């Protein structure tokens, strides 16, 4: 049985862009979905609170490798560039440069 890391991270979506952010994720490009799967992203979900708090969850064998492999794809660069204006940031960083996994403190299993 394969071992997977469970990864959770938080980002902040701009309040005035919430509706458009949700709409964009109803139509994620098929090539982006394929790239995520090929890079080892499994059970990937995003949850968005009304104040813009975005919670991401995924399972992968190696999170650092999964992020690195996505950064090497052309489709990810295009997606991240288009999505960058949706996020609150002190710097002009893409969302995948801002993802900092939260430490897991409990898991039922």
PDB file of N, CA and C in Angstrom:
ATOM      1  N   UNK A   1       0.837  -1.183   0.000  1.00  0.00           N
ATOM      2  CA  UNK A   1       0.000   0.000   0.000  1.00  0.00           C
ATOM      3  C   UNK A   1       0.886   1.251   0.000  1.00  0.00           C
ATOM      4  N   UNK A   2       0.548   2.200  -0.878  1.00  0.00           N
ATOM      5  CA  UNK A   2       1.327   3.423  -0.976  1.00  0.00           C
ATOM      6  C   UNK A   2       1.082   4.336   0.218  1.00  0.00           C
ATOM      7  N   UNK A   3       2.148   4.971   0.677  1.00  0.00           N
ATOM      8  CA  UNK A   3       2.043   5.960   1.744  1.00  0.00           C
ATOM      9  C   UNK A   3       1.861   7.339   1.117  1.00  0.00           C
ATOM     10  N   UNK A   4       0.914   8.092   1.630  1.00  0.00           N
ATOM     11  CA  UNK A   4       0.662   9.434   1.141  1.00  0.00           C
ATOM     12  C   UNK A   4       0.779  10.437   2.269  1.00  0.00           C
ATOM     13  N   UNK A   5       1.318  11.591   1.942  1.00  0.00           N
ATOM     14  CA  UNK A   5       1.298  12.724   2.857  1.00  0.00           C
ATOM     15  C   UNK A   5      -0.063  13.395   2.703  1.00  0.00           C
ATOM     16  N   UNK A   6      -0.664  13.768   3.801  1.00  0.00           N
ATOM     17  CA  UNK A   6      -1.859  14.601   3.773  1.00  0.00           C
ATOM     18  C   UNK A   6      -1.374  16.033   3.954  1.00  0.00           C
ATOM     19  N   UNK A   7      -1.754  16.908   3.040  1.00  0.00           N
ATOM     20  CA  UNK A   7      -1.267  18.287   3.059  1.00  0.00           C
ATOM     21  C   UNK A   7      -2.454  19.236   3.082  1.00  0.00           C
ATOM     22  N   UNK A   8      -2.411  20.185   4.014  1.00  0.00           N
ATOM     23  CA  UNK A   8      -3.416  21.233   4.107  1.00  0.00           C
ATOM     24  C   UNK A   8      -2.684  22.573   4.093  1.00  0.00           C
ATOM     25  N   UNK A   9      -3.229  23.528   3.347  1.00  0.00           N
ATOM     26  CA  UNK A   9      -2.626  24.857   3.292  1.00  0.00           C
ATOM     27  C   UNK A   9      -3.723  25.908   3.227  1.00  0.00           C
ATOM     28  N   UNK A  10      -3.373  27.142   3.554  1.00  0.00           N
ATOM     29  CA  UNK A  10      -4.312  28.266   3.528  1.00  0.00           C
ATOM     30  C   UNK A  10      -3.770  29.363   2.613  1.00  0.00           C
ATOM     31  N   UNK A  11      -4.672  29.987   1.902  1.00  0.00           N
ATOM     32  CA  UNK A  11      -4.372  31.181   1.118  1.00  0.00           C
ATOM     33  C   UNK A  11      -5.517  32.157   1.328  1.00  0.00           C
ATOM     34  N   UNK A  12      -5.340  33.387   0.893  1.00  0.00           N
ATOM     35  CA  UNK A  12      -6.390  34.389   1.056  1.00  0.00           C
ATOM     36  C   UNK A  12      -6.793  34.926  -0.306  1.00  0.00           C
ATOM     37  N   UNK A  13      -8.049  34.702  -0.668  1.00  0.00           N
ATOM     38  CA  UNK A  13      -8.606  35.224  -1.916  1.00  0.00           C
ATOM     39  C   UNK A  13      -9.181  36.611  -1.625  1.00  0.00           C
ATOM     40  N   UNK A  14      -8.987  37.528  -2.549  1.00  0.00           N
ATOM     41  CA  UNK A  14      -9.536  38.879  -2.389  1.00  0.00           C
ATOM     42  C   UNK A  14     -11.065  38.800  -2.362  1.00  0.00           C
ATOM     43  N   UNK A  15     -11.656  39.506  -1.411  1.00  0.00           N
ATOM     44  CA  UNK A  15     -13.121  39.456  -1.247  1.00  0.00           C
ATOM     45  C   UNK A  15     -13.869  39.887  -2.505  1.00  0.00           C
ATOM     46  N   UNK A  16     -13.339  40.852  -3.210  1.00  0.00           N
ATOM     47  CA  UNK A  16     -14.039  41.331  -4.394  1.00  0.00           C
ATOM     48  C   UNK A  16     -13.876  40.399  -5.598  1.00  0.00           C
ATOM     49  N   UNK A  17     -13.131  39.310  -5.427  1.00  0.00           N
ATOM     50  CA  UNK A  17     -12.916  38.356  -6.521  1.00  0.00           C
ATOM     51  C   UNK A  17     -13.477  36.970  -6.220  1.00  0.00           C
ATOM     52  N   UNK A  18     -14.183  36.810  -5.097  1.00  0.00           N
ATOM     53  CA  UNK A  18     -14.651  35.498  -4.665  1.00  0.00           C
ATOM     54  C   UNK A  18     -15.527  34.808  -5.708  1.00  0.00           C
ATOM     55  N   UNK A  19     -16.522  35.490  -6.217  1.00  0.00           N
ATOM     56  CA  UNK A  19     -17.448  34.875  -7.177  1.00  0.00           C
ATOM     57  C   UNK A  19     -16.713  34.415  -8.433  1.00  0.00           C
ATOM     58  N   UNK A  20     -15.846  35.264  -8.941  1.00  0.00           N
ATOM     59  CA  UNK A  20     -15.109  34.901 -10.151  1.00  0.00           C
ATOM     60  C   UNK A  20     -14.150  33.748  -9.876  1.00  0.00           C
ATOM     61  N   UNK A  21     -13.545  33.724  -8.693  1.00  0.00           N
ATOM     62  CA  UNK A  21     -12.651  32.622  -8.323  1.00  0.00           C
ATOM     63  C   UNK A  21     -13.411  31.298  -8.347  1.00  0.00           C
ATOM     64  N   UNK A  22     -14.602  31.299  -7.764  1.00  0.00           N
ATOM     65  CA  UNK A  22     -15.428  30.085  -7.749  1.00  0.00           C
ATOM     66  C   UNK A  22     -15.787  29.682  -9.180  1.00  0.00           C
ATOM     67  N   UNK A  23     -16.196  30.632 -10.000  1.00  0.00           N
ATOM     68  CA  UNK A  23     -16.558  30.324 -11.389  1.00  0.00           C
ATOM     69  C   UNK A  23     -15.386  29.749 -12.169  1.00  0.00           C
ATOM     70  N   UNK A  24     -14.203  30.303 -11.975  1.00  0.00           N
ATOM     71  CA  UNK A  24     -13.017  29.793 -12.667  1.00  0.00           C
ATOM     72  C   UNK A  24     -12.757  28.330 -12.329  1.00  0.00           C
ATOM     73  N   UNK A  25     -13.043  27.953 -11.094  1.00  0.00           N
ATOM     74  CA  UNK A  25     -12.774  26.576 -10.675  1.00  0.00           C
ATOM     75  C   UNK A  25     -13.863  25.600 -11.091  1.00  0.00           C
ATOM     76  N   UNK A  26     -14.935  26.097 -11.650  1.00  0.00           N
ATOM     77  CA  UNK A  26     -15.933  25.217 -12.252  1.00  0.00           C
ATOM     78  C   UNK A  26     -15.490  24.757 -13.633  1.00  0.00           C
ATOM     79  N   UNK A  27     -14.466  25.433 -14.162  1.00  0.00           N
ATOM     80  CA  UNK A  27     -13.994  25.152 -15.514  1.00  0.00           C
ATOM     81  C   UNK A  27     -12.468  25.063 -15.568  1.00  0.00           C
ATOM     82  N   UNK A  28     -11.886  24.310 -14.657  1.00  0.00           N
ATOM     83  CA  UNK A  28     -10.425  24.135 -14.683  1.00  0.00           C
ATOM     84  C   UNK A  28     -10.070  23.416 -15.982  1.00  0.00           C
ATOM     85  N   UNK A  29      -9.061  23.924 -16.651  1.00  0.00           N
ATOM     86  CA  UNK A  29      -8.660  23.373 -17.940  1.00  0.00           C
ATOM     87  C   UNK A  29      -8.311  21.888 -17.827  1.00  0.00           C
ATOM     88  N   UNK A  30      -8.762  21.068 -18.754  1.00  0.00           N
ATOM     89  CA  UNK A  30      -8.442  19.636 -18.719  1.00  0.00           C
ATOM     90  C   UNK A  30      -6.938  19.363 -18.665  1.00  0.00           C
ATOM     91  N   UNK A  31      -6.145  20.158 -19.370  1.00  0.00           N
ATOM     92  CA  UNK A  31      -4.691  19.937 -19.359  1.00  0.00           C
ATOM     93  C   UNK A  31      -4.089  20.270 -17.989  1.00  0.00           C
ATOM     94  N   UNK A  32      -4.724  21.185 -17.248  1.00  0.00           N
ATOM     95  CA  UNK A  32      -4.272  21.486 -15.889  1.00  0.00           C
ATOM     96  C   UNK A  32      -4.593  20.315 -14.970  1.00  0.00           C
ATOM     97  N   UNK A  33      -5.791  19.771 -15.094  1.00  0.00           N
ATOM     98  CA  UNK A  33      -6.176  18.603 -14.299  1.00  0.00           C
ATOM     99  C   UNK A  33      -5.246  17.427 -14.584  1.00  0.00           C
ATOM    100  N   UNK A  34      -4.920  17.204 -15.857  1.00  0.00           N
ATOM    101  CA  UNK A  34      -4.014  16.120 -16.230  1.00  0.00           C
ATOM    102  C   UNK A  34      -2.623  16.333 -15.631  1.00  0.00           C
ATOM    103  N   UNK A  35      -2.153  17.582 -15.654  1.00  0.00           N
ATOM    104  CA  UNK A  35      -0.825  17.887 -15.103  1.00  0.00           C
ATOM    105  C   UNK A  35      -0.795  17.642 -13.598  1.00  0.00           C
ATOM    106  N   UNK A  36      -1.854  18.036 -12.893  1.00  0.00           N
ATOM    107  CA  UNK A  36      -1.914  17.793 -11.447  1.00  0.00           C
ATOM    108  C   UNK A  36      -1.850  16.297 -11.151  1.00  0.00           C
ATOM    109  N   UNK A  37      -2.636  15.530 -11.868  1.00  0.00           N
ATOM    110  CA  UNK A  37      -2.624  14.077 -11.654  1.00  0.00           C
ATOM    111  C   UNK A  37      -1.250  13.480 -11.962  1.00  0.00           C
ATOM    112  N   UNK A  38      -0.652  13.905 -13.066  1.00  0.00           N
ATOM    113  CA  UNK A  38       0.665  13.381 -13.461  1.00  0.00           C
ATOM    114  C   UNK A  38       1.739  13.726 -12.433  1.00  0.00           C
ATOM    115  N   UNK A  39       1.592  14.868 -11.749  1.00  0.00           N
ATOM    116  CA  UNK A  39       2.567  15.290 -10.746  1.00  0.00           C
ATOM    117  C   UNK A  39       2.312  14.651  -9.381  1.00  0.00           C
ATOM    118  N   UNK A  40       1.262  13.839  -9.279  1.00  0.00           N
ATOM    119  CA  UNK A  40       1.031  13.109  -8.041  1.00  0.00           C
ATOM    120  C   UNK A  40       0.063  13.745  -7.065  1.00  0.00           C
ATOM    121  N   UNK A  41      -0.724  14.715  -7.509  1.00  0.00           N
ATOM    122  CA  UNK A  41      -1.731  15.335  -6.648  1.00  0.00           C
ATOM    123  C   UNK A  41      -2.953  14.423  -6.628  1.00  0.00           C
ATOM    124  N   UNK A  42      -3.359  13.992  -5.448  1.00  0.00           N
ATOM    125  CA  UNK A  42      -4.514  13.102  -5.298  1.00  0.00           C
ATOM    126  C   UNK A  42      -5.473  13.706  -4.272  1.00  0.00           C
ATOM    127  N   UNK A  43      -6.745  13.400  -4.453  1.00  0.00           N
ATOM    128  CA  UNK A  43      -7.764  13.825  -3.489  1.00  0.00           C
ATOM    129  C   UNK A  43      -7.634  15.327  -3.188  1.00  0.00           C
ATOM    130  N   UNK A  44      -7.398  16.126  -4.231  1.00  0.00           N
ATOM    131  CA  UNK A  44      -7.161  17.561  -4.093  1.00  0.00           C
ATOM    132  C   UNK A  44      -8.491  18.294  -4.023  1.00  0.00           C
ATOM    133  N   UNK A  45      -8.661  19.097  -2.983  1.00  0.00           N
ATOM    134  CA  UNK A  45      -9.887  19.864  -2.783  1.00  0.00           C
ATOM    135  C   UNK A  45      -9.540  21.278  -2.335  1.00  0.00           C
ATOM    136  N   UNK A  46     -10.400  22.213  -2.701  1.00  0.00           N
ATOM    137  CA  UNK A  46     -10.302  23.588  -2.231  1.00  0.00           C
ATOM    138  C   UNK A  46     -11.616  23.953  -1.556  1.00  0.00           C
ATOM    139  N   UNK A  47     -11.530  24.652  -0.429  1.00  0.00           N
ATOM    140  CA  UNK A  47     -12.692  25.100   0.326  1.00  0.00           C
ATOM    141  C   UNK A  47     -12.538  26.603   0.532  1.00  0.00           C
ATOM    142  N   UNK A  48     -13.614  27.356   0.303  1.00  0.00           N
ATOM    143  CA  UNK A  48     -13.528  28.816   0.364  1.00  0.00           C
ATOM    144  C   UNK A  48     -14.560  29.374   1.334  1.00  0.00           C
ATOM    145  N   UNK A  49     -14.073  30.136   2.306  1.00  0.00           N
ATOM    146  CA  UNK A  49     -14.944  30.790   3.276  1.00  0.00           C
ATOM    147  C   UNK A  49     -15.377  32.155   2.725  1.00  0.00           C
ATOM    148  N   UNK A  50     -16.481  32.675   3.209  1.00  0.00           N
ATOM    149  CA  UNK A  50     -17.046  33.934   2.715  1.00  0.00           C
ATOM    150  C   UNK A  50     -16.101  35.127   2.860  1.00  0.00           C
ATOM    151  N   UNK A  51     -15.163  35.065   3.796  1.00  0.00           N
ATOM    152  CA  UNK A  51     -14.209  36.172   3.971  1.00  0.00           C
ATOM    153  C   UNK A  51     -12.962  36.009   3.096  1.00  0.00           C
ATOM    154  N   UNK A  52     -12.944  34.965   2.253  1.00  0.00           N
ATOM    155  CA  UNK A  52     -11.831  34.769   1.337  1.00  0.00           C
ATOM    156  C   UNK A  52     -10.794  33.758   1.788  1.00  0.00           C
ATOM    157  N   UNK A  53     -10.938  33.209   2.997  1.00  0.00           N
ATOM    158  CA  UNK A  53      -9.984  32.196   3.446  1.00  0.00           C
ATOM    159  C   UNK A  53     -10.155  30.949   2.585  1.00  0.00           C
ATOM    160  N   UNK A  54      -9.091  30.549   1.926  1.00  0.00           N
ATOM    161  CA  UNK A  54      -9.082  29.375   1.067  1.00  0.00           C
ATOM    162  C   UNK A  54      -8.282  28.278   1.750  1.00  0.00           C
ATOM    163  N   UNK A  55      -8.893  27.125   1.913  1.00  0.00           N
ATOM    164  CA  UNK A  55      -8.229  25.963   2.492  1.00  0.00           C
ATOM    165  C   UNK A  55      -8.045  24.935   1.382  1.00  0.00           C
ATOM    166  N   UNK A  56      -6.830  24.505   1.194  1.00  0.00           N
ATOM    167  CA  UNK A  56      -6.539  23.464   0.219  1.00  0.00           C
ATOM    168  C   UNK A  56      -6.129  22.188   0.920  1.00  0.00           C
ATOM    169  N   UNK A  57      -6.543  21.060   0.370  1.00  0.00           N
ATOM    170  CA  UNK A  57      -6.185  19.754   0.917  1.00  0.00           C
ATOM    171  C   UNK A  57      -5.829  18.847  -0.250  1.00  0.00           C
ATOM    172  N   UNK A  58      -4.757  18.077  -0.068  1.00  0.00           N
ATOM    173  CA  UNK A  58      -4.388  17.079  -1.062  1.00  0.00           C
ATOM    174  C   UNK A  58      -3.615  15.959  -0.398  1.00  0.00           C
ATOM    175  N   UNK A  59      -3.490  14.890  -1.124  1.00  0.00           N
ATOM    176  CA  UNK A  59      -2.663  13.770  -0.700  1.00  0.00           C
ATOM    177  C   UNK A  59      -1.657  13.512  -1.815  1.00  0.00           C
ATOM    178  N   UNK A  60      -0.429  13.253  -1.434  1.00  0.00           N
ATOM    179  CA  UNK A  60       0.631  13.005  -2.402  1.00  0.00           C
ATOM    180  C   UNK A  60       1.744  12.224  -1.719  1.00  0.00           C
ATOM    181  N   UNK A  61       2.563  11.578  -2.499  1.00  0.00           N
ATOM    182  CA  UNK A  61       3.684  10.845  -1.914  1.00  0.00           C
ATOM    183  C   UNK A  61       4.776  11.790  -1.432  1.00  0.00           C
ATOM    184  N   UNK A  62       4.960  12.905  -2.121  1.00  0.00           N
ATOM    185  CA  UNK A  62       6.025  13.854  -1.784  1.00  0.00           C
ATOM    186  C   UNK A  62       5.563  15.245  -2.214  1.00  0.00           C
ATOM    187  N   UNK A  63       5.142  16.050  -1.258  1.00  0.00           N
ATOM    188  CA  UNK A  63       4.577  17.364  -1.574  1.00  0.00           C
ATOM    189  C   UNK A  63       5.581  18.263  -2.295  1.00  0.00           C
ATOM    190  N   UNK A  64       6.801  18.328  -1.808  1.00  0.00           N
ATOM    191  CA  UNK A  64       7.799  19.186  -2.457  1.00  0.00           C
ATOM    192  C   UNK A  64       8.003  18.782  -3.914  1.00  0.00           C
ATOM    193  N   UNK A  65       8.070  17.493  -4.166  1.00  0.00           N
ATOM    194  CA  UNK A  65       8.231  17.006  -5.548  1.00  0.00           C
ATOM    195  C   UNK A  65       6.991  17.328  -6.377  1.00  0.00           C
ATOM    196  N   UNK A  66       5.800  17.138  -5.806  1.00  0.00           N
ATOM    197  CA  UNK A  66       4.556  17.408  -6.529  1.00  0.00           C
ATOM    198  C   UNK A  66       4.468  18.875  -6.944  1.00  0.00           C
ATOM    199  N   UNK A  67       4.847  19.785  -6.046  1.00  0.00           N
ATOM    200  CA  UNK A  67       4.843  21.216  -6.362  1.00  0.00           C
ATOM    201  C   UNK A  67       5.903  21.515  -7.414  1.00  0.00           C
ATOM    202  N   UNK A  68       7.081  20.959  -7.247  1.00  0.00           N
ATOM    203  CA  UNK A  68       8.178  21.181  -8.197  1.00  0.00           C
ATOM    204  C   UNK A  68       7.791  20.691  -9.601  1.00  0.00           C
ATOM    205  N   UNK A  69       7.182  19.531  -9.684  1.00  0.00           N
ATOM    206  CA  UNK A  69       6.784  18.998 -10.995  1.00  0.00           C
ATOM    207  C   UNK A  69       5.721  19.875 -11.653  1.00  0.00           C
ATOM    208  N   UNK A  70       4.814  20.416 -10.868  1.00  0.00           N
ATOM    209  CA  UNK A  70       3.827  21.327 -11.440  1.00  0.00           C
ATOM    210  C   UNK A  70       4.487  22.607 -11.939  1.00  0.00           C
ATOM    211  N   UNK A  71       5.435  23.130 -11.188  1.00  0.00           N
ATOM    212  CA  UNK A  71       6.121  24.364 -11.607  1.00  0.00           C
ATOM    213  C   UNK A  71       6.838  24.193 -12.938  1.00  0.00           C
ATOM    214  N   UNK A  72       7.177  22.972 -13.285  1.00  0.00           N
ATOM    215  CA  UNK A  72       7.902  22.704 -14.526  1.00  0.00           C
ATOM    216  C   UNK A  72       6.984  22.599 -15.738  1.00  0.00           C
ATOM    217  N   UNK A  73       5.667  22.699 -15.528  1.00  0.00           N
ATOM    218  CA  UNK A  73       4.739  22.574 -16.652  1.00  0.00           C
ATOM    219  C   UNK A  73       4.342  23.947 -17.175  1.00  0.00           C
ATOM    220  N   UNK A  74       4.167  24.025 -18.463  1.00  0.00           N
ATOM    221  CA  UNK A  74       3.746  25.269 -19.098  1.00  0.00           C
ATOM    222  C   UNK A  74       2.321  25.643 -18.693  1.00  0.00           C
ATOM    223  N   UNK A  75       1.450  24.635 -18.592  1.00  0.00           N
ATOM    224  CA  UNK A  75       0.056  24.911 -18.248  1.00  0.00           C
ATOM    225  C   UNK A  75      -0.054  25.500 -16.839  1.00  0.00           C
ATOM    226  N   UNK A  76       0.768  25.036 -15.908  1.00  0.00           N
ATOM    227  CA  UNK A  76       0.733  25.591 -14.555  1.00  0.00           C
ATOM    228  C   UNK A  76       1.179  27.049 -14.544  1.00  0.00           C
ATOM    229  N   UNK A  77       2.217  27.370 -15.281  1.00  0.00           N
ATOM    230  CA  UNK A  77       2.672  28.767 -15.340  1.00  0.00           C
ATOM    231  C   UNK A  77       1.555  29.653 -15.872  1.00  0.00           C
ATOM    232  N   UNK A  78       0.873  29.203 -16.912  1.00  0.00           N
ATOM    233  CA  UNK A  78      -0.224  29.976 -17.480  1.00  0.00           C
ATOM    234  C   UNK A  78      -1.367  30.116 -16.474  1.00  0.00           C
ATOM    235  N   UNK A  79      -1.750  29.004 -15.816  1.00  0.00           N
ATOM    236  CA  UNK A  79      -2.840  29.035 -14.833  1.00  0.00           C
ATOM    237  C   UNK A  79      -2.478  29.952 -13.665  1.00  0.00           C
ATOM    238  N   UNK A  80      -1.279  29.784 -13.114  1.00  0.00           N
ATOM    239  CA  UNK A  80      -0.860  30.585 -11.959  1.00  0.00           C
ATOM    240  C   UNK A  80      -0.803  32.073 -12.301  1.00  0.00           C
ATOM    241  N   UNK A  81      -0.362  32.388 -13.493  1.00  0.00           N
ATOM    242  CA  UNK A  81      -0.295  33.787 -13.915  1.00  0.00           C
ATOM    243  C   UNK A  81      -1.693  34.388 -14.011  1.00  0.00           C
ATOM    244  N   UNK A  82      -2.638  33.627 -14.554  1.00  0.00           N
ATOM    245  CA  UNK A  82      -4.016  34.119 -14.650  1.00  0.00           C
ATOM    246  C   UNK A  82      -4.691  34.223 -13.291  1.00  0.00           C
ATOM    247  N   UNK A  83      -4.329  33.349 -12.363  1.00  0.00           N
ATOM    248  CA  UNK A  83      -4.992  33.324 -11.056  1.00  0.00           C
ATOM    249  C   UNK A  83      -4.337  34.250 -10.028  1.00  0.00           C
ATOM    250  N   UNK A  84      -3.118  34.698 -10.249  1.00  0.00           N
ATOM    251  CA  UNK A  84      -2.394  35.529  -9.277  1.00  0.00           C
ATOM    252  C   UNK A  84      -3.190  36.746  -8.804  1.00  0.00           C
ATOM    253  N   UNK A  85      -3.905  37.449  -9.670  1.00  0.00           N
ATOM    254  CA  UNK A  85      -4.640  38.634  -9.207  1.00  0.00           C
ATOM    255  C   UNK A  85      -5.788  38.335  -8.226  1.00  0.00           C
ATOM    256  N   UNK A  86      -6.152  37.087  -8.059  1.00  0.00           N
ATOM    257  CA  UNK A  86      -7.228  36.722  -7.147  1.00  0.00           C
ATOM    258  C   UNK A  86      -6.773  36.681  -5.687  1.00  0.00           C
ATOM    259  N   UNK A  87      -5.476  36.636  -5.445  1.00  0.00           N
ATOM    260  CA  UNK A  87      -4.958  36.392  -4.103  1.00  0.00           C
ATOM    261  C   UNK A  87      -4.390  37.627  -3.442  1.00  0.00           C
ATOM    262  N   UNK A  88      -4.633  37.707  -2.120  1.00  0.00           N
ATOM    263  CA  UNK A  88      -3.973  38.711  -1.297  1.00  0.00           C
ATOM    264  C   UNK A  88      -2.528  38.264  -1.143  1.00  0.00           C
ATOM    265  N   UNK A  89      -1.607  39.191  -1.301  1.00  0.00           N
ATOM    266  CA  UNK A  89      -0.201  38.842  -1.167  1.00  0.00           C
ATOM    267  C   UNK A  89       0.605  40.097  -0.906  1.00  0.00           C
ATOM    268  N   UNK A  90       1.619  39.955  -0.081  1.00  0.00           N
ATOM    269  CA  UNK A  90       2.534  41.057   0.166  1.00  0.00           C
ATOM    270  C   UNK A  90       3.448  41.271  -1.029  1.00  0.00           C
ATOM    271  N   UNK A  91       3.629  40.208  -1.777  1.00  0.00           N
ATOM    272  CA  UNK A  91       4.521  40.239  -2.933  1.00  0.00           C
ATOM    273  C   UNK A  91       3.736  39.742  -4.132  1.00  0.00           C
ATOM    274  N   UNK A  92       4.320  39.832  -5.287  1.00  0.00           N
ATOM    275  CA  UNK A  92       3.666  39.337  -6.495  1.00  0.00           C
ATOM    276  C   UNK A  92       4.054  37.874  -6.702  1.00  0.00           C
ATOM    277  N   UNK A  93       3.521  37.017  -5.862  1.00  0.00           N
ATOM    278  CA  UNK A  93       3.817  35.594  -5.931  1.00  0.00           C
ATOM    279  C   UNK A  93       2.624  34.840  -6.480  1.00  0.00           C
ATOM    280  N   UNK A  94       2.914  33.762  -7.184  1.00  0.00           N
ATOM    281  CA  UNK A  94       1.855  32.848  -7.589  1.00  0.00           C
ATOM    282  C   UNK A  94       1.399  32.076  -6.359  1.00  0.00           C
ATOM    283  N   UNK A  95       0.181  31.573  -6.419  1.00  0.00           N
ATOM    284  CA  UNK A  95      -0.378  30.832  -5.284  1.00  0.00           C
ATOM    285  C   UNK A  95       0.497  29.644  -4.907  1.00  0.00           C
ATOM    286  N   UNK A  96       1.055  28.941  -5.906  1.00  0.00           N
ATOM    287  CA  UNK A  96       1.870  27.772  -5.558  1.00  0.00           C
ATOM    288  C   UNK A  96       3.184  28.159  -4.882  1.00  0.00           C
ATOM    289  N   UNK A  97       3.564  29.428  -4.948  1.00  0.00           N
ATOM    290  CA  UNK A  97       4.731  29.908  -4.203  1.00  0.00           C
ATOM    291  C   UNK A  97       4.371  30.321  -2.783  1.00  0.00           C
ATOM    292  N   UNK A  98       3.065  30.455  -2.505  1.00  0.00           N
ATOM    293  CA  UNK A  98       2.593  30.874  -1.185  1.00  0.00           C
ATOM    294  C   UNK A  98       2.100  29.711  -0.330  1.00  0.00           C
ATOM    295  N   UNK A  99       1.955  28.544  -0.918  1.00  0.00           N
ATOM    296  CA  UNK A  99       1.427  27.400  -0.167  1.00  0.00           C
ATOM    297  C   UNK A  99       2.433  26.942   0.881  1.00  0.00           C
ATOM    298  N   UNK A 100       2.032  27.011   2.128  1.00  0.00           N
ATOM    299  CA  UNK A 100       2.847  26.537   3.243  1.00  0.00           C
ATOM    300  C   UNK A 100       2.011  25.510   3.995  1.00  0.00           C
ATOM    301  N   UNK A 101       2.391  24.241   3.912  1.00  0.00           N
ATOM    302  CA  UNK A 101       1.582  23.212   4.588  1.00  0.00           C
ATOM    303  C   UNK A 101       1.464  23.470   6.092  1.00  0.00           C
ATOM    304  N   UNK A 102       0.272  23.243   6.597  1.00  0.00           N
ATOM    305  CA  UNK A 102       0.022  23.333   8.037  1.00  0.00           C
ATOM    306  C   UNK A 102       0.418  22.018   8.687  1.00  0.00           C
ATOM    307  N   UNK A 103       0.954  22.052   9.886  1.00  0.00           N
ATOM    308  CA  UNK A 103       1.292  20.796  10.565  1.00  0.00           C
ATOM    309  C   UNK A 103       0.018  20.036  10.963  1.00  0.00           C
ATOM    310  N   UNK A 104       0.017  18.756  10.711  1.00  0.00           N
ATOM    311  CA  UNK A 104      -1.122  17.930  11.094  1.00  0.00           C
ATOM    312  C   UNK A 104      -1.016  17.615  12.585  1.00  0.00           C
ATOM    313  N   UNK A 105      -2.092  17.839  13.319  1.00  0.00           N
ATOM    314  CA  UNK A 105      -2.075  17.575  14.757  1.00  0.00           C
ATOM    315  C   UNK A 105      -2.979  16.411  15.142  1.00  0.00           C
ATOM    316  N   UNK A 106      -3.859  15.980  14.229  1.00  0.00           N
ATOM    317  CA  UNK A 106      -4.721  14.835  14.518  1.00  0.00           C
ATOM    318  C   UNK A 106      -5.226  14.247  13.218  1.00  0.00           C
ATOM    319  N   UNK A 107      -5.321  12.935  13.187  1.00  0.00           N
ATOM    320  CA  UNK A 107      -5.913  12.218  12.066  1.00  0.00           C
ATOM    321  C   UNK A 107      -6.628  11.003  12.620  1.00  0.00           C
ATOM    322  N   UNK A 108      -7.900  10.865  12.311  1.00  0.00           N
ATOM    323  CA  UNK A 108      -8.690   9.723  12.751  1.00  0.00           C
ATOM    324  C   UNK A 108      -8.464   8.572  11.797  1.00  0.00           C
ATOM    325  N   UNK A 109      -7.717   7.589  12.224  1.00  0.00           N
ATOM    326  CA  UNK A 109      -7.524   6.360  11.446  1.00  0.00           C
ATOM    327  C   UNK A 109      -6.507   5.468  12.098  1.00  0.00           C
TER     328      UNK A 109
END
